[in-house]
Amino acid sequence: MRTVIITIFAVIIFSDGLAYAQSEWRKVPASYRKVNMSVPNLEDKNPRITIQVADSFGGRAEWVCWGKFRSLDPNACISYQVTGNSFEYKSARDINGWAKSFKKIPYSQKGELFDINSAIGDIEVLRGKTEDNFDKECITFNKMMNGNSELVRGWYCAKPHTNLREAELKKIVSSINLNGGPLIQWRSRSGSNPSRQTKNKSTPSAQSTKSLSDQLKTAKDLFNQKLITEIEYDALRKKILGIN
């Protein structure tokens, strides 16, 4: 398999998929963002967003990151990547070896792989923790789609010396979406910048209608599982439907 190495940040590189000339890739504004997730205790932080696209074959490489490992705050990253051919298969167990951000972080994995449902389907998850003075409990996650030609993967680490509860990690992973904004708000505040593709609500495509249905189903599942309150569910449903 040919390999592409595209530098996203100075410290983050992915190297899967087809080999295309670097000149085919161009940066686009953060407003074109598709991938996102809700991150507790980080909603008031502006994420670092890098997006590159390759128009000739529909390539896309997005990174959205909050905070740093060696800090007193949580940290998280999520990436959405598309190529014209299959990526090398990886699981949630491989993420800390795949991402450059983990290179100098002593890290151990805990337990077995498990799945959490989201708006993009079941996402594979694995617990872990940093083995340093910050002692952060973390999760890594991975989702591969469309014959492994699309992927969503990343991680979330809680505050130092804080237990990452099961209900909390389920809420984080289940919020992952490709609609450009958080699916769940941890506190009442305005959402992130919408992606260019979701601004026009007057003529929804079949794909966006399906996405809307998926979001409503996910919101209902979260309420049935008692991960959000009835008030939160009603507010979330209105937001998905665009009801003021």
Protein backbone atom coordinates (compact mmCIF):
# COMPACT_ATOMS: atom_id res chain seq x y z
CA MET A 1 0.00 0.00 0.00
CA ARG A 2 1.30 3.40 -0.88
CA THR A 3 1.66 5.77 2.03
CA VAL A 4 0.95 9.46 2.43
CA ILE A 5 2.67 11.49 5.10
CA ILE A 6 0.92 14.80 5.57
CA THR A 7 1.99 17.15 8.35
CA ILE A 8 -1.02 18.49 10.16
CA PHE A 9 0.70 20.16 13.12
CA ALA A 10 4.39 20.38 13.93
CA VAL A 11 3.77 17.63 16.48
CA ILE A 12 1.01 15.56 14.84
CA ILE A 13 1.40 13.49 11.68
CA PHE A 14 -0.75 10.78 10.13
CA SER A 15 0.63 8.32 7.61
CA ASP A 16 -2.02 6.09 6.06
CA GLY A 17 -3.79 5.82 2.73
CA LEU A 18 -2.73 6.79 -0.76
CA ALA A 19 0.30 8.72 -1.91
CA TYR A 20 -0.68 12.04 -3.46
CA ALA A 21 1.44 15.09 -4.13
CA GLN A 22 1.54 17.46 -1.17
CA SER A 23 0.70 20.27 -3.61
CA GLU A 24 -2.80 18.81 -3.99
CA TRP A 25 -3.60 19.60 -0.37
CA ARG A 26 -4.71 23.07 0.67
CA LYS A 27 -5.72 24.55 3.99
CA VAL A 28 -9.29 25.75 4.47
CA PRO A 29 -10.79 27.93 7.24
CA ALA A 30 -11.92 26.46 10.55
CA SER A 31 -15.52 27.27 9.58
CA TYR A 32 -15.35 24.28 7.19
CA ARG A 33 -14.93 21.97 10.16
CA LYS A 34 -16.97 18.77 10.21
CA VAL A 35 -15.76 16.71 13.19
CA ASN A 36 -16.41 17.54 16.81
CA MET A 37 -17.21 16.18 20.22
CA SER A 38 -18.32 17.58 23.56
CA VAL A 39 -15.47 17.85 26.04
CA PRO A 40 -16.17 18.53 29.76
CA ASN A 41 -14.20 21.36 31.39
CA LEU A 42 -12.89 22.44 27.98
CA GLU A 43 -15.94 24.09 26.43
CA ASP A 44 -14.67 27.57 27.25
CA LYS A 45 -11.32 26.86 25.58
CA ASN A 46 -10.84 27.62 21.91
CA PRO A 47 -9.61 24.46 20.18
CA ARG A 48 -6.69 24.39 17.79
CA ILE A 49 -8.19 23.54 14.39
CA THR A 50 -6.31 22.52 11.27
CA ILE A 51 -8.13 21.43 8.11
CA GLN A 52 -6.65 20.42 4.77
CA VAL A 53 -8.52 19.19 1.70
CA ALA A 54 -7.53 17.67 -1.64
CA ASP A 55 -10.20 18.51 -4.18
CA SER A 56 -9.09 16.08 -6.90
CA PHE A 57 -10.04 12.99 -4.90
CA GLY A 58 -12.14 14.35 -2.04
CA GLY A 59 -9.36 14.04 0.52
CA ARG A 60 -9.79 15.59 3.95
CA ALA A 61 -7.62 15.83 7.06
CA GLU A 62 -9.04 17.57 10.14
CA TRP A 63 -7.59 17.94 13.62
CA VAL A 64 -9.42 19.61 16.51
CA CYS A 65 -7.45 19.71 19.76
CA TRP A 66 -7.88 21.19 23.23
CA GLY A 67 -5.16 21.65 25.86
CA LYS A 68 -1.98 19.67 26.45
CA PHE A 69 -1.07 16.48 28.28
CA ARG A 70 1.27 18.18 30.76
CA SER A 71 -1.19 20.68 32.19
CA LEU A 72 -3.65 20.94 35.07
CA ASP A 73 -6.55 20.99 32.63
CA PRO A 74 -8.08 18.15 30.60
CA ASN A 75 -6.82 17.65 27.06
CA ALA A 76 -8.35 16.10 23.96
CA CYS A 77 -7.92 15.68 20.22
CA ILE A 78 -10.20 14.36 17.52
CA SER A 79 -9.31 13.79 13.88
CA TYR A 80 -11.42 13.13 10.79
CA GLN A 81 -9.61 11.87 7.70
CA VAL A 82 -10.75 10.81 4.23
CA THR A 83 -8.67 9.31 1.44
CA GLY A 84 -9.36 7.80 -1.96
CA ASN A 85 -8.24 4.37 -0.76
CA SER A 86 -8.27 2.29 2.42
CA PHE A 87 -6.30 3.34 5.48
CA GLU A 88 -4.28 0.73 7.30
CA TYR A 89 -6.54 -0.81 9.92
CA LYS A 90 -5.96 0.33 13.49
CA SER A 91 -7.97 -0.09 16.67
CA ALA A 92 -8.39 2.15 19.71
CA ARG A 93 -5.48 0.18 21.19
CA ASP A 94 -3.16 1.62 18.52
CA ILE A 95 -3.96 5.33 18.92
CA ASN A 96 -1.31 6.24 21.49
CA GLY A 97 1.32 4.67 19.23
CA TRP A 98 -0.10 6.39 16.13
CA ALA A 99 -0.34 10.00 17.35
CA LYS A 100 2.83 12.05 17.73
CA SER A 101 1.38 13.82 20.79
CA PHE A 102 1.89 10.64 22.83
CA LYS A 103 5.56 10.29 21.84
CA LYS A 104 7.04 11.68 25.07
CA ILE A 105 4.13 10.76 27.34
CA PRO A 106 4.50 7.63 29.49
CA TYR A 107 1.17 5.92 28.97
CA SER A 108 -0.44 2.62 29.93
CA GLN A 109 -3.62 0.98 28.67
CA LYS A 110 -6.32 -0.43 30.94
CA GLY A 111 -8.87 -3.18 30.39
CA GLU A 112 -10.47 -4.38 27.18
CA LEU A 113 -11.82 -2.67 24.09
CA PHE A 114 -15.51 -1.74 24.18
CA ASP A 115 -17.98 0.12 21.93
CA ILE A 116 -20.08 3.23 22.55
CA ASN A 117 -22.83 4.30 20.15
CA SER A 118 -22.72 7.76 18.56
CA ALA A 119 -24.20 9.70 15.65
CA ILE A 120 -21.61 8.05 13.36
CA GLY A 121 -22.24 4.53 14.69
CA ASP A 122 -20.42 2.40 17.25
CA ILE A 123 -17.01 3.78 18.23
CA GLU A 124 -14.30 1.56 19.67
CA VAL A 125 -12.89 2.79 23.00
CA LEU A 126 -10.07 1.85 25.36
CA ARG A 127 -9.21 3.26 28.78
CA GLY A 128 -5.68 4.30 29.75
CA LYS A 129 -3.69 6.69 31.92
CA THR A 130 -0.56 8.79 31.85
CA GLU A 131 2.21 7.41 34.02
CA ASP A 132 3.70 10.73 35.13
CA ASN A 133 3.17 13.35 37.83
CA PHE A 134 -0.07 14.48 36.18
CA ASP A 135 -1.63 11.00 36.43
CA LYS A 136 -4.44 11.66 33.94
CA GLU A 137 -7.10 9.05 33.25
CA CYS A 138 -7.77 8.90 29.51
CA ILE A 139 -9.62 7.17 26.73
CA THR A 140 -8.54 6.57 23.15
CA PHE A 141 -11.15 5.95 20.47
CA ASN A 142 -11.34 4.89 16.85
CA LYS A 143 -13.98 4.53 14.12
CA MET A 144 -13.27 3.38 10.56
CA MET A 145 -15.95 3.71 7.87
CA ASN A 146 -16.70 3.17 4.19
CA GLY A 147 -14.28 0.34 3.56
CA ASN A 148 -11.68 1.96 5.86
CA SER A 149 -11.44 4.99 3.54
CA GLU A 150 -12.72 7.29 6.32
CA LEU A 151 -11.74 7.42 9.96
CA VAL A 152 -12.47 9.31 13.16
CA ARG A 153 -10.04 8.83 16.02
CA GLY A 154 -8.56 10.63 18.98
CA TRP A 155 -8.42 10.81 22.76
CA TYR A 156 -9.66 12.57 25.87
CA CYS A 157 -7.80 12.89 29.19
CA ALA A 158 -9.44 14.15 32.38
CA LYS A 159 -7.92 16.56 34.89
CA PRO A 160 -4.92 15.23 36.83
CA HIS A 161 -5.73 12.80 39.66
CA THR A 162 -9.41 12.67 38.63
CA ASN A 163 -11.47 9.53 38.01
CA LEU A 164 -12.98 9.37 34.52
CA ARG A 165 -16.40 7.95 35.30
CA GLU A 166 -18.16 5.57 32.94
CA ALA A 167 -21.17 7.86 32.50
CA GLU A 168 -18.86 10.74 31.63
CA LEU A 169 -16.81 8.87 29.04
CA LYS A 170 -20.01 7.53 27.45
CA LYS A 171 -21.30 11.08 27.16
CA ILE A 172 -18.05 12.24 25.55
CA VAL A 173 -17.87 9.48 22.94
CA SER A 174 -21.59 9.46 22.15
CA SER A 175 -21.35 13.19 21.32
CA ILE A 176 -18.88 12.61 18.45
CA ASN A 177 -20.38 13.82 15.18
CA LEU A 178 -19.57 15.12 11.70
CA ASN A 179 -21.89 18.13 11.85
CA GLY A 180 -19.34 20.73 12.90
CA GLY A 181 -20.52 21.37 16.44
CA PRO A 182 -20.95 19.65 19.82
CA LEU A 183 -23.95 17.32 19.92
CA ILE A 184 -24.18 17.70 23.69
CA GLN A 185 -23.50 20.82 25.73
CA TRP A 186 -22.03 20.19 29.16
CA ARG A 187 -23.15 23.65 30.23
CA SER A 188 -25.54 26.13 28.68
CA ARG A 189 -23.54 28.19 26.20
CA SER A 190 -23.42 28.97 22.51
CA GLY A 191 -22.16 26.17 20.26
CA SER A 192 -19.03 26.04 18.13
CA ASN A 193 -18.79 27.44 14.62
CA PRO A 194 -21.01 25.41 12.26
CA SER A 195 -19.42 23.84 9.23
CA ARG A 196 -20.13 25.38 5.85
CA GLN A 197 -22.10 22.29 4.87
CA THR A 198 -24.67 22.68 7.68
CA LYS A 199 -25.46 26.39 7.40
CA ASN A 200 -28.16 26.08 4.75
CA LYS A 201 -31.18 24.49 6.38
CA SER A 202 -33.71 25.44 3.70
CA THR A 203 -32.90 22.62 1.27
CA PRO A 204 -31.63 19.63 3.27
CA SER A 205 -30.12 16.80 1.26
CA ALA A 206 -30.98 13.14 1.79
CA GLN A 207 -27.68 12.74 3.60
CA SER A 208 -28.36 15.66 5.97
CA THR A 209 -31.89 14.37 6.62
CA LYS A 210 -30.46 10.98 7.56
CA SER A 211 -27.91 12.72 9.78
CA LEU A 212 -30.76 14.62 11.47
CA SER A 213 -32.59 11.38 12.12
CA ASP A 214 -29.42 9.83 13.56
CA GLN A 215 -28.92 12.80 15.89
CA LEU A 216 -32.49 12.60 17.17
CA LYS A 217 -32.13 8.85 17.76
CA THR A 218 -28.85 9.39 19.61
CA ALA A 219 -30.40 12.10 21.77
CA LYS A 220 -33.32 9.79 22.63
CA ASP A 221 -30.90 6.96 23.48
CA LEU A 222 -28.94 9.25 25.81
CA PHE A 223 -32.17 10.21 27.59
CA ASN A 224 -33.36 6.59 27.85
CA GLN A 225 -29.97 5.64 29.32
CA LYS A 226 -30.35 8.49 31.84
CA LEU A 227 -27.15 10.16 30.64
CA ILE A 228 -29.01 13.46 30.19
CA THR A 229 -32.02 14.92 31.98
CA GLU A 230 -35.43 15.48 30.43
CA ILE A 231 -34.75 19.22 30.28
CA GLU A 232 -31.39 18.60 28.55
CA TYR A 233 -33.05 16.17 26.14
CA ASP A 234 -35.79 18.66 25.23
CA ALA A 235 -33.23 21.43 24.67
CA LEU A 236 -31.04 19.12 22.58
CA ARG A 237 -33.98 17.96 20.46
CA LYS A 238 -34.98 21.57 19.74
CA LYS A 239 -31.41 22.44 18.81
CA ILE A 240 -31.19 19.50 16.38
CA LEU A 241 -34.50 20.49 14.78
CA GLY A 242 -33.57 24.19 14.67
CA ILE A 243 -36.46 25.21 16.94
CA ASN A 244 -35.88 28.45 18.86
